[in-house]
Full PDB file with SEQRES, HELIX, SHEET, SSBOND, CRYST1, ORIGX, SCALE, CONECT and MASTER records, all heavy atoms in Angstrom:
SEQRES   1 A   40  SER THR VAL ALA ILE ASP GLY ILE VAL ALA MET ASN ASP          
SEQRES   2 A   40  PHE VAL ALA SER ALA VAL VAL ASP GLU LEU THR LYS LEU          
SEQRES   3 A   40  GLY TYR THR GLY SER ALA ALA ASP ILE ASN PRO SER ILE          
SEQRES   4 A   40  SER                                                          
HELIX    1 AA1 ASP A   13  LEU A   26  1                                  14    
HELIX    2 AA2 ALA A   32  ILE A   35  1                                   4    
CRYST1    1.000    1.000    1.000  90.00  90.00  90.00 P 1           1          
ORIGX1      1.000000  0.000000  0.000000        0.00000                         
ORIGX2      0.000000  1.000000  0.000000        0.00000                         
ORIGX3      0.000000  0.000000  1.000000        0.00000                         
SCALE1      1.000000  0.000000  0.000000        0.00000                         
SCALE2      0.000000  1.000000  0.000000        0.00000                         
SCALE3      0.000000  0.000000  1.000000        0.00000                         
ATOM      1  N   SER A   1       0.856  -1.177   0.000  1.00  0.00           N  
ATOM      2  CA  SER A   1       0.000   0.000   0.000  1.00  0.00           C  
ATOM      3  C   SER A   1       0.896   1.232   0.000  1.00  0.00           C  
ATOM      4  O   SER A   1       2.077   1.144   0.338  1.00  0.00           O  
ATOM      5  CB  SER A   1      -0.914   0.016   1.233  1.00  0.00           C  
ATOM      6  OG  SER A   1      -0.143   0.068   2.418  1.00  0.00           O  
ATOM      7  N   THR A   2       0.347   2.353  -0.382  1.00  0.00           N  
ATOM      8  CA  THR A   2       1.129   3.582  -0.425  1.00  0.00           C  
ATOM      9  C   THR A   2       0.863   4.421   0.813  1.00  0.00           C  
ATOM     10  O   THR A   2      -0.170   4.298   1.457  1.00  0.00           O  
ATOM     11  CB  THR A   2       0.770   4.410  -1.671  1.00  0.00           C  
ATOM     12  OG1 THR A   2      -0.648   4.639  -1.694  1.00  0.00           O  
ATOM     13  CG2 THR A   2       1.172   3.687  -2.935  1.00  0.00           C  
ATOM     14  N   VAL A   3       1.820   5.276   1.124  1.00  0.00           N  
ATOM     15  CA  VAL A   3       1.672   6.168   2.270  1.00  0.00           C  
ATOM     16  C   VAL A   3       1.346   7.565   1.765  1.00  0.00           C  
ATOM     17  O   VAL A   3       1.661   7.919   0.632  1.00  0.00           O  
ATOM     18  CB  VAL A   3       2.964   6.213   3.113  1.00  0.00           C  
ATOM     19  CG1 VAL A   3       3.293   4.842   3.668  1.00  0.00           C  
ATOM     20  CG2 VAL A   3       4.133   6.734   2.276  1.00  0.00           C  
ATOM     21  N   ALA A   4       0.708   8.362   2.611  1.00  0.00           N  
ATOM     22  CA  ALA A   4       0.380   9.732   2.234  1.00  0.00           C  
ATOM     23  C   ALA A   4       1.662  10.552   2.115  1.00  0.00           C  
ATOM     24  O   ALA A   4       2.555  10.444   2.944  1.00  0.00           O  
ATOM     25  CB  ALA A   4      -0.548  10.343   3.279  1.00  0.00           C  
ATOM     26  N   ILE A   5       1.735  11.336   1.066  1.00  0.00           N  
ATOM     27  CA  ILE A   5       2.913  12.171   0.837  1.00  0.00           C  
ATOM     28  C   ILE A   5       2.446  13.529   0.311  1.00  0.00           C  
ATOM     29  O   ILE A   5       1.657  13.603  -0.622  1.00  0.00           O  
ATOM     30  CB  ILE A   5       3.888  11.479  -0.160  1.00  0.00           C  
ATOM     31  CG1 ILE A   5       5.109  12.352  -0.425  1.00  0.00           C  
ATOM     32  CG2 ILE A   5       3.191  11.100  -1.440  1.00  0.00           C  
ATOM     33  CD1 ILE A   5       6.076  12.392   0.724  1.00  0.00           C  
ATOM     34  N   ASP A   6       2.923  14.591   0.933  1.00  0.00           N  
ATOM     35  CA  ASP A   6       2.505  15.934   0.532  1.00  0.00           C  
ATOM     36  C   ASP A   6       3.451  16.586  -0.470  1.00  0.00           C  
ATOM     37  O   ASP A   6       3.010  17.368  -1.315  1.00  0.00           O  
ATOM     38  CB  ASP A   6       2.404  16.840   1.766  1.00  0.00           C  
ATOM     39  CG  ASP A   6       1.308  16.395   2.713  1.00  0.00           C  
ATOM     40  OD1 ASP A   6       0.137  16.423   2.304  1.00  0.00           O  
ATOM     41  OD2 ASP A   6       1.627  16.016   3.858  1.00  0.00           O  
ATOM     42  N   GLY A   7       4.734  16.309  -0.350  1.00  0.00           N  
ATOM     43  CA  GLY A   7       5.681  16.964  -1.234  1.00  0.00           C  
ATOM     44  C   GLY A   7       6.937  16.152  -1.474  1.00  0.00           C  
ATOM     45  O   GLY A   7       7.381  15.409  -0.585  1.00  0.00           O  
ATOM     46  N   ILE A   8       7.493  16.279  -2.675  1.00  0.00           N  
ATOM     47  CA  ILE A   8       8.739  15.588  -3.031  1.00  0.00           C  
ATOM     48  C   ILE A   8       9.674  16.580  -3.704  1.00  0.00           C  
ATOM     49  O   ILE A   8       9.343  17.169  -4.738  1.00  0.00           O  
ATOM     50  CB  ILE A   8       8.485  14.413  -4.000  1.00  0.00           C  
ATOM     51  CG1 ILE A   8       7.578  13.367  -3.346  1.00  0.00           C  
ATOM     52  CG2 ILE A   8       9.805  13.783  -4.431  1.00  0.00           C  
ATOM     53  CD1 ILE A   8       7.173  12.236  -4.289  1.00  0.00           C  
ATOM     54  N   VAL A   9      10.836  16.795  -3.109  1.00  0.00           N  
ATOM     55  CA  VAL A   9      11.878  17.612  -3.734  1.00  0.00           C  
ATOM     56  C   VAL A   9      12.712  16.676  -4.597  1.00  0.00           C  
ATOM     57  O   VAL A   9      13.475  15.860  -4.079  1.00  0.00           O  
ATOM     58  CB  VAL A   9      12.766  18.304  -2.677  1.00  0.00           C  
ATOM     59  CG1 VAL A   9      13.866  19.113  -3.365  1.00  0.00           C  
ATOM     60  CG2 VAL A   9      11.930  19.211  -1.780  1.00  0.00           C  
ATOM     61  N   ALA A  10      12.543  16.774  -5.919  1.00  0.00           N  
ATOM     62  CA  ALA A  10      13.204  15.841  -6.835  1.00  0.00           C  
ATOM     63  C   ALA A  10      14.534  16.375  -7.357  1.00  0.00           C  
ATOM     64  O   ALA A  10      15.246  15.678  -8.070  1.00  0.00           O  
ATOM     65  CB  ALA A  10      12.282  15.517  -8.003  1.00  0.00           C  
ATOM     66  N   MET A  11      14.866  17.628  -7.062  1.00  0.00           N  
ATOM     67  CA  MET A  11      16.140  18.259  -7.399  1.00  0.00           C  
ATOM     68  C   MET A  11      16.301  18.666  -8.860  1.00  0.00           C  
ATOM     69  O   MET A  11      16.685  19.787  -9.153  1.00  0.00           O  
ATOM     70  CB  MET A  11      17.332  17.392  -6.983  1.00  0.00           C  
ATOM     71  CG  MET A  11      17.480  17.252  -5.497  1.00  0.00           C  
ATOM     72  SD  MET A  11      17.771  18.853  -4.702  1.00  0.00           S  
ATOM     73  CE  MET A  11      17.961  18.339  -3.013  1.00  0.00           C  
ATOM     74  N   ASN A  12      16.018  17.755  -9.811  1.00  0.00           N  
ATOM     75  CA  ASN A  12      16.116  18.132 -11.217  1.00  0.00           C  
ATOM     76  C   ASN A  12      15.001  17.476 -12.015  1.00  0.00           C  
ATOM     77  O   ASN A  12      14.321  16.568 -11.537  1.00  0.00           O  
ATOM     78  CB  ASN A  12      17.497  17.810 -11.801  1.00  0.00           C  
ATOM     79  CG  ASN A  12      17.818  16.327 -11.765  1.00  0.00           C  
ATOM     80  OD1 ASN A  12      17.093  15.507 -12.323  1.00  0.00           O  
ATOM     81  ND2 ASN A  12      18.924  15.971 -11.114  1.00  0.00           N  
ATOM     82  N   ASP A  13      14.799  17.932 -13.234  1.00  0.00           N  
ATOM     83  CA  ASP A  13      13.667  17.471 -14.032  1.00  0.00           C  
ATOM     84  C   ASP A  13      13.809  16.025 -14.490  1.00  0.00           C  
ATOM     85  O   ASP A  13      12.808  15.360 -14.773  1.00  0.00           O  
ATOM     86  CB  ASP A  13      13.470  18.379 -15.243  1.00  0.00           C  
ATOM     87  CG  ASP A  13      12.841  19.707 -14.866  1.00  0.00           C  
ATOM     88  OD1 ASP A  13      12.540  19.901 -13.672  1.00  0.00           O  
ATOM     89  OD2 ASP A  13      12.648  20.554 -15.760  1.00  0.00           O  
ATOM     90  N   PHE A  14      15.037  15.536 -14.588  1.00  0.00           N  
ATOM     91  CA  PHE A  14      15.223  14.126 -14.925  1.00  0.00           C  
ATOM     92  C   PHE A  14      14.638  13.249 -13.829  1.00  0.00           C  
ATOM     93  O   PHE A  14      13.874  12.315 -14.080  1.00  0.00           O  
ATOM     94  CB  PHE A  14      16.709  13.818 -15.108  1.00  0.00           C  
ATOM     95  CG  PHE A  14      17.015  12.340 -15.200  1.00  0.00           C  
ATOM     96  CD1 PHE A  14      16.670  11.628 -16.335  1.00  0.00           C  
ATOM     97  CD2 PHE A  14      17.630  11.678 -14.156  1.00  0.00           C  
ATOM     98  CE1 PHE A  14      16.939  10.263 -16.425  1.00  0.00           C  
ATOM     99  CE2 PHE A  14      17.905  10.316 -14.236  1.00  0.00           C  
ATOM    100  CZ  PHE A  14      17.556   9.610 -15.378  1.00  0.00           C  
ATOM    101  N   VAL A  15      14.982  13.557 -12.583  1.00  0.00           N  
ATOM    102  CA  VAL A  15      14.452  12.805 -11.447  1.00  0.00           C  
ATOM    103  C   VAL A  15      12.950  13.036 -11.326  1.00  0.00           C  
ATOM    104  O   VAL A  15      12.184  12.104 -11.063  1.00  0.00           O  
ATOM    105  CB  VAL A  15      15.169  13.204 -10.140  1.00  0.00           C  
ATOM    106  CG1 VAL A  15      14.532  12.512  -8.936  1.00  0.00           C  
ATOM    107  CG2 VAL A  15      16.653  12.843 -10.215  1.00  0.00           C  
ATOM    108  N   ALA A  16      12.511  14.279 -11.515  1.00  0.00           N  
ATOM    109  CA  ALA A  16      11.087  14.600 -11.393  1.00  0.00           C  
ATOM    110  C   ALA A  16      10.251  13.806 -12.387  1.00  0.00           C  
ATOM    111  O   ALA A  16       9.161  13.324 -12.063  1.00  0.00           O  
ATOM    112  CB  ALA A  16      10.870  16.097 -11.595  1.00  0.00           C  
ATOM    113  N   SER A  17      10.759  13.652 -13.606  1.00  0.00           N  
ATOM    114  CA  SER A  17      10.038  12.893 -14.625  1.00  0.00           C  
ATOM    115  C   SER A  17       9.881  11.433 -14.204  1.00  0.00           C  
ATOM    116  O   SER A  17       8.811  10.833 -14.355  1.00  0.00           O  
ATOM    117  CB  SER A  17      10.779  12.968 -15.961  1.00  0.00           C  
ATOM    118  OG  SER A  17      10.128  12.217 -16.961  1.00  0.00           O  
ATOM    119  N   ALA A  18      10.963  10.856 -13.657  1.00  0.00           N  
ATOM    120  CA  ALA A  18      10.899   9.471 -13.191  1.00  0.00           C  
ATOM    121  C   ALA A  18       9.966   9.352 -11.986  1.00  0.00           C  
ATOM    122  O   ALA A  18       9.268   8.346 -11.824  1.00  0.00           O  
ATOM    123  CB  ALA A  18      12.299   8.980 -12.826  1.00  0.00           C  
ATOM    124  N   VAL A  19       9.941  10.384 -11.146  1.00  0.00           N  
ATOM    125  CA  VAL A  19       9.038  10.398  -9.985  1.00  0.00           C  
ATOM    126  C   VAL A  19       7.588  10.391 -10.450  1.00  0.00           C  
ATOM    127  O   VAL A  19       6.750   9.657  -9.909  1.00  0.00           O  
ATOM    128  CB  VAL A  19       9.319  11.633  -9.102  1.00  0.00           C  
ATOM    129  CG1 VAL A  19       8.174  11.869  -8.116  1.00  0.00           C  
ATOM    130  CG2 VAL A  19      10.625  11.457  -8.346  1.00  0.00           C  
ATOM    131  N   VAL A  20       7.274  11.215 -11.444  1.00  0.00           N  
ATOM    132  CA  VAL A  20       5.905  11.272 -11.971  1.00  0.00           C  
ATOM    133  C   VAL A  20       5.476   9.901 -12.489  1.00  0.00           C  
ATOM    134  O   VAL A  20       4.359   9.436 -12.216  1.00  0.00           O  
ATOM    135  CB  VAL A  20       5.813  12.328 -13.098  1.00  0.00           C  
ATOM    136  CG1 VAL A  20       4.500  12.186 -13.870  1.00  0.00           C  
ATOM    137  CG2 VAL A  20       5.927  13.729 -12.509  1.00  0.00           C  
ATOM    138  N   ASP A  21       6.355   9.238 -13.222  1.00  0.00           N  
ATOM    139  CA  ASP A  21       6.034   7.906 -13.762  1.00  0.00           C  
ATOM    140  C   ASP A  21       5.800   6.901 -12.644  1.00  0.00           C  
ATOM    141  O   ASP A  21       4.856   6.110 -12.692  1.00  0.00           O  
ATOM    142  CB  ASP A  21       7.163   7.420 -14.673  1.00  0.00           C  
ATOM    143  CG  ASP A  21       7.256   8.208 -15.966  1.00  0.00           C  
ATOM    144  OD1 ASP A  21       6.273   8.892 -16.312  1.00  0.00           O  
ATOM    145  OD2 ASP A  21       8.317   8.157 -16.621  1.00  0.00           O  
ATOM    146  N   GLU A  22       6.650   6.925 -11.616  1.00  0.00           N  
ATOM    147  CA  GLU A  22       6.536   5.947 -10.545  1.00  0.00           C  
ATOM    148  C   GLU A  22       5.334   6.227  -9.647  1.00  0.00           C  
ATOM    149  O   GLU A  22       4.677   5.281  -9.181  1.00  0.00           O  
ATOM    150  CB  GLU A  22       7.823   5.923  -9.712  1.00  0.00           C  
ATOM    151  CG  GLU A  22       7.864   4.818  -8.662  1.00  0.00           C  
ATOM    152  CD  GLU A  22       7.735   3.416  -9.248  1.00  0.00           C  
ATOM    153  OE1 GLU A  22       8.040   3.229 -10.445  1.00  0.00           O  
ATOM    154  OE2 GLU A  22       7.313   2.498  -8.493  1.00  0.00           O  
ATOM    155  N   LEU A  23       5.024   7.476  -9.408  1.00  0.00           N  
ATOM    156  CA  LEU A  23       3.835   7.809  -8.617  1.00  0.00           C  
ATOM    157  C   LEU A  23       2.581   7.261  -9.294  1.00  0.00           C  
ATOM    158  O   LEU A  23       1.658   6.755  -8.623  1.00  0.00           O  
ATOM    159  CB  LEU A  23       3.713   9.322  -8.446  1.00  0.00           C  
ATOM    160  CG  LEU A  23       4.674   9.992  -7.468  1.00  0.00           C  
ATOM    161  CD1 LEU A  23       4.542  11.515  -7.557  1.00  0.00           C  
ATOM    162  CD2 LEU A  23       4.425   9.528  -6.033  1.00  0.00           C  
ATOM    163  N   THR A  24       2.555   7.346 -10.622  1.00  0.00           N  
ATOM    164  CA  THR A  24       1.424   6.810 -11.375  1.00  0.00           C  
ATOM    165  C   THR A  24       1.335   5.299 -11.203  1.00  0.00           C  
ATOM    166  O   THR A  24       0.251   4.740 -10.974  1.00  0.00           O  
ATOM    167  CB  THR A  24       1.561   7.163 -12.873  1.00  0.00           C  
ATOM    168  OG1 THR A  24       1.645   8.576 -13.018  1.00  0.00           O  
ATOM    169  CG2 THR A  24       0.371   6.647 -13.664  1.00  0.00           C  
ATOM    170  N   LYS A  25       2.475   4.623 -11.289  1.00  0.00           N  
ATOM    171  CA  LYS A  25       2.500   3.166 -11.132  1.00  0.00           C  
ATOM    172  C   LYS A  25       2.105   2.742  -9.718  1.00  0.00           C  
ATOM    173  O   LYS A  25       1.486   1.689  -9.519  1.00  0.00           O  
ATOM    174  CB  LYS A  25       3.894   2.633 -11.456  1.00  0.00           C  
ATOM    175  CG  LYS A  25       4.289   2.771 -12.924  1.00  0.00           C  
ATOM    176  CD  LYS A  25       5.709   2.279 -13.165  1.00  0.00           C  
ATOM    177  CE  LYS A  25       6.119   2.478 -14.618  1.00  0.00           C  
ATOM    178  NZ  LYS A  25       7.526   2.040 -14.860  1.00  0.00           N  
ATOM    179  N   LEU A  26       2.473   3.564  -8.739  1.00  0.00           N  
ATOM    180  CA  LEU A  26       2.143   3.237  -7.346  1.00  0.00           C  
ATOM    181  C   LEU A  26       0.685   3.511  -7.011  1.00  0.00           C  
ATOM    182  O   LEU A  26       0.223   3.142  -5.933  1.00  0.00           O  
ATOM    183  CB  LEU A  26       3.044   4.030  -6.398  1.00  0.00           C  
ATOM    184  CG  LEU A  26       4.521   3.632  -6.353  1.00  0.00           C  
ATOM    185  CD1 LEU A  26       5.320   4.616  -5.499  1.00  0.00           C  
ATOM    186  CD2 LEU A  26       4.678   2.207  -5.813  1.00  0.00           C  
ATOM    187  N   GLY A  27      -0.031   4.151  -7.925  1.00  0.00           N  
ATOM    188  CA  GLY A  27      -1.456   4.365  -7.712  1.00  0.00           C  
ATOM    189  C   GLY A  27      -1.843   5.729  -7.177  1.00  0.00           C  
ATOM    190  O   GLY A  27      -3.007   5.941  -6.817  1.00  0.00           O  
ATOM    191  N   TYR A  28      -0.890   6.654  -7.114  1.00  0.00           N  
ATOM    192  CA  TYR A  28      -1.252   8.011  -6.689  1.00  0.00           C  
ATOM    193  C   TYR A  28      -2.064   8.657  -7.806  1.00  0.00           C  
ATOM    194  O   TYR A  28      -1.767   8.478  -8.990  1.00  0.00           O  
ATOM    195  CB  TYR A  28       0.004   8.833  -6.390  1.00  0.00           C  
ATOM    196  CG  TYR A  28       0.692   8.418  -5.117  1.00  0.00           C  
ATOM    197  CD1 TYR A  28       1.652   7.400  -5.122  1.00  0.00           C  
ATOM    198  CD2 TYR A  28       0.359   9.010  -3.898  1.00  0.00           C  
ATOM    199  CE1 TYR A  28       2.272   6.990  -3.952  1.00  0.00           C  
ATOM    200  CE2 TYR A  28       0.981   8.615  -2.720  1.00  0.00           C  
ATOM    201  CZ  TYR A  28       1.929   7.604  -2.754  1.00  0.00           C  
ATOM    202  OH  TYR A  28       2.541   7.196  -1.591  1.00  0.00           O  
ATOM    203  N   THR A  29      -3.084   9.399  -7.420  1.00  0.00           N  
ATOM    204  CA  THR A  29      -3.987   9.969  -8.412  1.00  0.00           C  
ATOM    205  C   THR A  29      -4.142  11.471  -8.218  1.00  0.00           C  
ATOM    206  O   THR A  29      -3.857  12.011  -7.152  1.00  0.00           O  
ATOM    207  CB  THR A  29      -5.382   9.324  -8.314  1.00  0.00           C  
ATOM    208  OG1 THR A  29      -5.903   9.536  -6.995  1.00  0.00           O  
ATOM    209  CG2 THR A  29      -5.301   7.830  -8.604  1.00  0.00           C  
ATOM    210  N   GLY A  30      -4.630  12.118  -9.280  1.00  0.00           N  
ATOM    211  CA  GLY A  30      -4.876  13.542  -9.209  1.00  0.00           C  
ATOM    212  C   GLY A  30      -3.779  14.328  -9.886  1.00  0.00           C  
ATOM    213  O   GLY A  30      -2.929  13.785 -10.592  1.00  0.00           O  
ATOM    214  N   SER A  31      -3.794  15.603  -9.662  1.00  0.00           N  
ATOM    215  CA  SER A  31      -2.813  16.509 -10.251  1.00  0.00           C  
ATOM    216  C   SER A  31      -2.971  17.856  -9.591  1.00  0.00           C  
ATOM    217  O   SER A  31      -3.693  18.008  -8.609  1.00  0.00           O  
ATOM    218  CB  SER A  31      -3.041  16.643 -11.766  1.00  0.00           C  
ATOM    219  OG  SER A  31      -4.256  17.333 -12.009  1.00  0.00           O  
ATOM    220  N   ALA A  32      -2.298  18.853 -10.138  1.00  0.00           N  
ATOM    221  CA  ALA A  32      -2.438  20.202  -9.608  1.00  0.00           C  
ATOM    222  C   ALA A  32      -3.874  20.684  -9.734  1.00  0.00           C  
ATOM    223  O   ALA A  32      -4.333  21.516  -8.947  1.00  0.00           O  
ATOM    224  CB  ALA A  32      -1.512  21.155 -10.345  1.00  0.00           C  
ATOM    225  N   ALA A  33      -4.610  20.170 -10.735  1.00  0.00           N  
ATOM    226  CA  ALA A  33      -6.004  20.575 -10.909  1.00  0.00           C  
ATOM    227  C   ALA A  33      -6.854  20.096  -9.736  1.00  0.00           C  
ATOM    228  O   ALA A  33      -7.844  20.724  -9.373  1.00  0.00           O  
ATOM    229  CB  ALA A  33      -6.551  20.017 -12.213  1.00  0.00           C  
ATOM    230  N   ASP A  34      -6.461  18.958  -9.104  1.00  0.00           N  
ATOM    231  CA  ASP A  34      -7.183  18.468  -7.935  1.00  0.00           C  
ATOM    232  C   ASP A  34      -6.748  19.209  -6.679  1.00  0.00           C  
ATOM    233  O   ASP A  34      -7.556  19.518  -5.806  1.00  0.00           O  
ATOM    234  CB  ASP A  34      -6.929  16.960  -7.747  1.00  0.00           C  
ATOM    235  CG  ASP A  34      -7.416  16.159  -8.936  1.00  0.00           C  
ATOM    236  OD1 ASP A  34      -8.548  16.403  -9.370  1.00  0.00           O  
ATOM    237  OD2 ASP A  34      -6.649  15.317  -9.422  1.00  0.00           O  
ATOM    238  N   ILE A  35      -5.440  19.480  -6.611  1.00  0.00           N  
ATOM    239  CA  ILE A  35      -4.913  20.194  -5.456  1.00  0.00           C  
ATOM    240  C   ILE A  35      -5.464  21.618  -5.430  1.00  0.00           C  
ATOM    241  O   ILE A  35      -5.700  22.196  -4.386  1.00  0.00           O  
ATOM    242  CB  ILE A  35      -3.373  20.215  -5.503  1.00  0.00           C  
ATOM    243  CG1 ILE A  35      -2.848  18.794  -5.359  1.00  0.00           C  
ATOM    244  CG2 ILE A  35      -2.786  21.110  -4.433  1.00  0.00           C  
ATOM    245  CD1 ILE A  35      -1.365  18.652  -5.608  1.00  0.00           C  
ATOM    246  N   ASN A  36      -5.679  22.174  -6.616  1.00  0.00           N  
ATOM    247  CA  ASN A  36      -6.240  23.517  -6.745  1.00  0.00           C  
ATOM    248  C   ASN A  36      -7.559  23.395  -7.503  1.00  0.00           C  
ATOM    249  O   ASN A  36      -7.573  23.423  -8.732  1.00  0.00           O  
ATOM    250  CB  ASN A  36      -5.294  24.434  -7.507  1.00  0.00           C  
ATOM    251  CG  ASN A  36      -3.973  24.592  -6.778  1.00  0.00           C  
ATOM    252  OD1 ASN A  36      -3.823  25.476  -5.962  1.00  0.00           O  
ATOM    253  ND2 ASN A  36      -3.028  23.709  -7.083  1.00  0.00           N  
ATOM    254  N   PRO A  37      -8.693  23.207  -6.804  1.00  0.00           N  
ATOM    255  CA  PRO A  37      -9.972  22.950  -7.471  1.00  0.00           C  
ATOM    256  C   PRO A  37     -10.350  24.011  -8.493  1.00  0.00           C  
ATOM    257  O   PRO A  37     -11.090  23.738  -9.424  1.00  0.00           O  
ATOM    258  CB  PRO A  37     -10.969  22.935  -6.304  1.00  0.00           C  
ATOM    259  CG  PRO A  37     -10.142  22.542  -5.119  1.00  0.00           C  
ATOM    260  CD  PRO A  37      -8.801  23.170  -5.339  1.00  0.00           C  
ATOM    261  N   SER A  38      -9.829  25.234  -8.334  1.00  0.00           N  
ATOM    262  CA  SER A  38     -10.195  26.298  -9.270  1.00  0.00           C  
ATOM    263  C   SER A  38      -9.405  26.214 -10.563  1.00  0.00           C  
ATOM    264  O   SER A  38      -9.649  26.962 -11.499  1.00  0.00           O  
ATOM    265  CB  SER A  38      -9.964  27.672  -8.630  1.00  0.00           C  
ATOM    266  OG  SER A  38      -8.585  27.867  -8.389  1.00  0.00           O  
ATOM    267  N   ILE A  39      -8.428  25.303 -10.613  1.00  0.00           N  
ATOM    268  CA  ILE A  39      -7.594  25.185 -11.808  1.00  0.00           C  
ATOM    269  C   ILE A  39      -8.024  23.976 -12.626  1.00  0.00           C  
ATOM    270  O   ILE A  39      -8.176  22.878 -12.112  1.00  0.00           O  
ATOM    271  CB  ILE A  39      -6.112  25.028 -11.444  1.00  0.00           C  
ATOM    272  CG1 ILE A  39      -5.618  26.270 -10.733  1.00  0.00           C  
ATOM    273  CG2 ILE A  39      -5.282  24.795 -12.703  1.00  0.00           C  
ATOM    274  CD1 ILE A  39      -4.182  26.176 -10.322  1.00  0.00           C  
ATOM    275  N   SER A  40      -8.245  24.182 -13.891  1.00  0.00           N  
ATOM    276  CA  SER A  40      -8.513  23.088 -14.818  1.00  0.00           C  
ATOM    277  C   SER A  40      -7.523  23.212 -15.963  1.00  0.00           C  
ATOM    278  O   SER A  40      -6.879  24.250 -16.133  1.00  0.00           O  
ATOM    279  CB  SER A  40      -9.947  23.178 -15.365  1.00  0.00           C  
ATOM    280  OG  SER A  40     -10.111  24.374 -16.111  1.00  0.00           O  
TER     281      SER A  40                                                      
MASTER        0    0    0    2    0    0    0    6  280    1    0    4          
END                                                                             
């Protein structure tokens, strides 16, 4: 199961891209549009 996580400092965009892919595989859902309901 996954644990709740509020923020990840990935340092650079190469790591950030891999983080985005792995978060998706781990089942994390949503995006900035969910974090900010007024943003679509």
